């Protein structure tokens, strides 16, 4: 399942709500609780939400790899579901903007 810091400690918004909805549609439970740095370092996957990129994989923490050091299967499931939901390849769109220097 997905674990997020407590709702009162994160910026509320559409992106987090959408992540929770998509996770539910995929049958992935999502919970909110305090997270310790050692838990993050030992995670299989770690990602952030943000308005424009929606979901951002974190492959390193303090210079050390998280999981395999590459975006993992949960990220792939969630970003693919997000792509389908909005009808846009979010990663391709981000690459286009990055290469244009926007």
C-alpha atoms as a PDB file:
ATOM      1  CA  UNK A   1       0.000   0.000   0.000  1.00  0.00           C
ATOM      2  CA  UNK A   2       0.851   3.666  -0.095  1.00  0.00           C
ATOM      3  CA  UNK A   3       1.796   5.595   3.014  1.00  0.00           C
ATOM      4  CA  UNK A   4       1.770   9.376   3.206  1.00  0.00           C
ATOM      5  CA  UNK A   5       2.578  11.785   6.001  1.00  0.00           C
ATOM      6  CA  UNK A   6      -0.496  12.849   7.995  1.00  0.00           C
ATOM      7  CA  UNK A   7      -2.909  15.031   6.028  1.00  0.00           C
ATOM      8  CA  UNK A   8      -2.457  17.918   8.448  1.00  0.00           C
ATOM      9  CA  UNK A   9       1.279  17.954   7.627  1.00  0.00           C
ATOM     10  CA  UNK A  10       1.010  18.063   3.833  1.00  0.00           C
ATOM     11  CA  UNK A  11      -0.360  20.683   1.492  1.00  0.00           C
ATOM     12  CA  UNK A  12      -3.925  19.639   0.701  1.00  0.00           C
ATOM     13  CA  UNK A  13      -4.863  19.691  -2.911  1.00  0.00           C
ATOM     14  CA  UNK A  14      -6.259  18.076  -5.983  1.00  0.00           C
ATOM     15  CA  UNK A  15      -3.085  16.104  -6.754  1.00  0.00           C
ATOM     16  CA  UNK A  16      -3.035  14.230  -3.446  1.00  0.00           C
ATOM     17  CA  UNK A  17      -6.785  13.623  -3.678  1.00  0.00           C
ATOM     18  CA  UNK A  18      -6.370  12.278  -7.221  1.00  0.00           C
ATOM     19  CA  UNK A  19      -3.565   9.969  -6.108  1.00  0.00           C
ATOM     20  CA  UNK A  20      -5.808   8.578  -3.389  1.00  0.00           C
ATOM     21  CA  UNK A  21      -8.650   8.069  -5.889  1.00  0.00           C
ATOM     22  CA  UNK A  22      -6.434   6.338  -8.460  1.00  0.00           C
ATOM     23  CA  UNK A  23      -4.858   4.131  -5.794  1.00  0.00           C
ATOM     24  CA  UNK A  24      -8.352   3.111  -4.660  1.00  0.00           C
ATOM     25  CA  UNK A  25      -9.371   2.280  -8.231  1.00  0.00           C
ATOM     26  CA  UNK A  26      -6.276   0.079  -8.520  1.00  0.00           C
ATOM     27  CA  UNK A  27      -7.071  -1.644  -5.218  1.00  0.00           C
ATOM     28  CA  UNK A  28      -4.018  -0.120  -3.526  1.00  0.00           C
ATOM     29  CA  UNK A  29      -4.710   0.949   0.061  1.00  0.00           C
ATOM     30  CA  UNK A  30      -3.472   4.383   1.109  1.00  0.00           C
ATOM     31  CA  UNK A  31      -2.857   5.420   4.687  1.00  0.00           C
ATOM     32  CA  UNK A  32      -1.601   8.529   6.450  1.00  0.00           C
ATOM     33  CA  UNK A  33       0.835   8.457   9.361  1.00  0.00           C
ATOM     34  CA  UNK A  34       4.132   9.816  10.610  1.00  0.00           C
ATOM     35  CA  UNK A  35       7.123   8.592   8.599  1.00  0.00           C
ATOM     36  CA  UNK A  36      10.662   8.255   9.916  1.00  0.00           C
ATOM     37  CA  UNK A  37      13.722   8.956   7.745  1.00  0.00           C
ATOM     38  CA  UNK A  38      14.918   5.345   8.130  1.00  0.00           C
ATOM     39  CA  UNK A  39      11.561   4.125   6.786  1.00  0.00           C
ATOM     40  CA  UNK A  40      11.952   6.320   3.729  1.00  0.00           C
ATOM     41  CA  UNK A  41      15.495   5.076   3.147  1.00  0.00           C
ATOM     42  CA  UNK A  42      14.312   1.463   3.372  1.00  0.00           C
ATOM     43  CA  UNK A  43      11.323   1.928   1.074  1.00  0.00           C
ATOM     44  CA  UNK A  44      10.797  -0.169  -2.032  1.00  0.00           C
ATOM     45  CA  UNK A  45       9.635   3.000  -3.794  1.00  0.00           C
ATOM     46  CA  UNK A  46       9.355   6.647  -2.942  1.00  0.00           C
ATOM     47  CA  UNK A  47       7.570   9.375  -4.869  1.00  0.00           C
ATOM     48  CA  UNK A  48       6.203  12.875  -4.474  1.00  0.00           C
ATOM     49  CA  UNK A  49       3.081  14.511  -5.829  1.00  0.00           C
ATOM     50  CA  UNK A  50       3.029  17.928  -7.432  1.00  0.00           C
ATOM     51  CA  UNK A  51       0.559  19.808  -9.593  1.00  0.00           C
ATOM     52  CA  UNK A  52       2.332  19.909 -12.945  1.00  0.00           C
ATOM     53  CA  UNK A  53       4.179  16.555 -13.080  1.00  0.00           C
ATOM     54  CA  UNK A  54       1.521  14.804 -10.941  1.00  0.00           C
ATOM     55  CA  UNK A  55       3.817  12.064  -9.655  1.00  0.00           C
ATOM     56  CA  UNK A  56       7.610  12.277  -9.333  1.00  0.00           C
ATOM     57  CA  UNK A  57       9.708   9.161  -8.620  1.00  0.00           C
ATOM     58  CA  UNK A  58      12.453   9.627  -6.044  1.00  0.00           C
ATOM     59  CA  UNK A  59      15.182   7.160  -6.891  1.00  0.00           C
ATOM     60  CA  UNK A  60      17.758   8.353  -4.346  1.00  0.00           C
ATOM     61  CA  UNK A  61      17.728   9.661  -0.802  1.00  0.00           C
ATOM     62  CA  UNK A  62      20.865  11.231   0.621  1.00  0.00           C
ATOM     63  CA  UNK A  63      22.774   9.892  -2.394  1.00  0.00           C
ATOM     64  CA  UNK A  64      21.707   6.282  -1.803  1.00  0.00           C
ATOM     65  CA  UNK A  65      19.289   4.399  -4.053  1.00  0.00           C
ATOM     66  CA  UNK A  66      15.695   3.824  -3.038  1.00  0.00           C
ATOM     67  CA  UNK A  67      14.712   0.259  -3.930  1.00  0.00           C
ATOM     68  CA  UNK A  68      16.330  -0.599  -7.262  1.00  0.00           C
ATOM     69  CA  UNK A  69      17.364   3.018  -7.842  1.00  0.00           C
ATOM     70  CA  UNK A  70      14.837   3.364 -10.675  1.00  0.00           C
ATOM     71  CA  UNK A  71      11.116   4.161 -10.791  1.00  0.00           C
ATOM     72  CA  UNK A  72       9.331   1.048  -9.569  1.00  0.00           C
ATOM     73  CA  UNK A  73       6.206  -0.908 -10.484  1.00  0.00           C
ATOM     74  CA  UNK A  74       3.863   1.054  -8.198  1.00  0.00           C
ATOM     75  CA  UNK A  75       4.966   4.331  -9.782  1.00  0.00           C
ATOM     76  CA  UNK A  76       4.401   2.789 -13.224  1.00  0.00           C
ATOM     77  CA  UNK A  77       0.904   1.586 -12.278  1.00  0.00           C
ATOM     78  CA  UNK A  78      -0.083   4.942 -10.826  1.00  0.00           C
ATOM     79  CA  UNK A  79       1.354   7.165 -13.572  1.00  0.00           C
ATOM     80  CA  UNK A  80      -0.192   4.934 -16.244  1.00  0.00           C
ATOM     81  CA  UNK A  81      -3.582   5.203 -14.519  1.00  0.00           C
ATOM     82  CA  UNK A  82      -3.101   8.977 -14.325  1.00  0.00           C
ATOM     83  CA  UNK A  83      -2.227   9.113 -18.041  1.00  0.00           C
ATOM     84  CA  UNK A  84      -5.432   7.242 -18.899  1.00  0.00           C
ATOM     85  CA  UNK A  85      -7.509   9.408 -16.567  1.00  0.00           C
ATOM     86  CA  UNK A  86      -6.392  12.708 -18.097  1.00  0.00           C
ATOM     87  CA  UNK A  87      -5.801  11.456 -21.648  1.00  0.00           C
ATOM     88  CA  UNK A  88      -2.188  12.688 -21.771  1.00  0.00           C
ATOM     89  CA  UNK A  89       1.162  10.934 -21.545  1.00  0.00           C
ATOM     90  CA  UNK A  90       2.390  12.932 -18.542  1.00  0.00           C
ATOM     91  CA  UNK A  91       6.016  11.809 -18.811  1.00  0.00           C
ATOM     92  CA  UNK A  92       6.222  12.633 -22.529  1.00  0.00           C
ATOM     93  CA  UNK A  93       4.703  16.044 -21.874  1.00  0.00           C
ATOM     94  CA  UNK A  94       7.284  16.726 -19.141  1.00  0.00           C
ATOM     95  CA  UNK A  95      10.128  15.712 -21.478  1.00  0.00           C
ATOM     96  CA  UNK A  96       8.840  18.075 -24.192  1.00  0.00           C
ATOM     97  CA  UNK A  97       8.759  20.998 -21.773  1.00  0.00           C
ATOM     98  CA  UNK A  98      12.181  20.115 -20.356  1.00  0.00           C
ATOM     99  CA  UNK A  99      13.803  20.073 -23.798  1.00  0.00           C
ATOM    100  CA  UNK A 100      12.205  23.405 -24.700  1.00  0.00           C
ATOM    101  CA  UNK A 101      13.643  25.027 -21.597  1.00  0.00           C
ATOM    102  CA  UNK A 102      10.245  26.052 -20.251  1.00  0.00           C
END
